Amino acid sequence: MRENRVNSSSESRREFLKRTALAVGGATLGMSLPSLRFAGGQALAESEEEKKTEVVVVTSSEVIDKDKPLNTEALRRMMEKGITELAGKSDVAKAWQTFIKASDNVVLADAGTWLANPPEVVVEVMRGIKLASPKKMTLAHYSGLPKSWVDAVRGGLKEAEIPQEVMDNQIYRIPARFPTMPFTSLVMTPTLKSHRIAGVSGVVKHYATMCKEGPAPHHPNGMETAGSVIVPQFGYMSHLIIVDALRFGEETRGPQFFQKSLIFGTDPVAADVVALDIYLKNCKTSREIPPERHRQLADTRYHAGISDMSRIEVRRFEM
């Protein structure tokens, strides 16, 4: 297993992102979620400019491929590696407990449509949440997913000895009910795909999909207001982001590239810009929409996280 610890995966791209963010936002980079209860209790730095965050990227050549079904054992190793490295703890259960408290009412939101999570990913995250022993846990799966997907998740939960009653398809609708529910902890497994409205959809866009008014009001101008919902509607929850980057998608047409990675973080914007940086190395965007812009505005205009790659410590592991 090899670790590569860097502050940015691409020096030239980092400089481009910083210049663009300053141009579109006109504000200090990385003013991250002043009212958001970060999962894991990350300490705030003395000033907004000094704040940093960490993102962990775990990649396995064995987990999946175009002609190879998902390897659940490899997936579990990736999940355990990512959560323990992000928490800084060797014990898997204690690592999950770093981000999810015993008193929490936890909800897991899947990736929704266009590029749904493999059912095994959702089950594996629920298995991790169970290790944290929260007061309550809910799997809010998107209401439009096919019966075959739902049945596969049900089977996986049964095997993991998790009651199927945790599944709820009445929360993740359009518009969604997440902000109106008494959740204290949000875990999500978004995917990245080219998107005709956002350029490339990912974490920040997923919050707009999950907001109480639905995504449509945020569609104009490349979804520039997508990040506006994170603090006011989700800021009272702790956040654990596990980007499902096993495959990257091409709009509604399914996978366009098998990245074979999971990306872990507690800062929604940071996790998204790191995921986008990886995406752009091998995948195409939709139309001429700049996919960086709505992510950077989530930072510079809406103060929902850090988009400056020089202030994101990216730790990469190959298994």
Foldseek 3Di string as FASTA:
>chain_A
DDKDKDLFPDPVVLVVLVVVLCVQQVFAFFLAQPLACAFLNDDADPDRNQAFWEKEKEFEPPQDDPPGDGDLVVVLVQVQVRQCVRNVHNDLLVSLLSGAPQAFAEEEEFAAALETDQLSNVLSVVLSNVSNNHPHYAYAYALPDDPVSLVVNCVSCVVSVHDNVSYDPQAQYFAGCVLVDPGAAYEYAHEWEADQQQQIDTQLQVQQCHDNNHNVVQRPQNSLCSLQCCCPRPRNHHYKYKYPVCFYYYGNPYGPGGRRMIMITRQRLCSVLNNVVSCVVPHGHHDPRDNSNSSSCSCSVRNHGGNNSSRYIYMYHYD
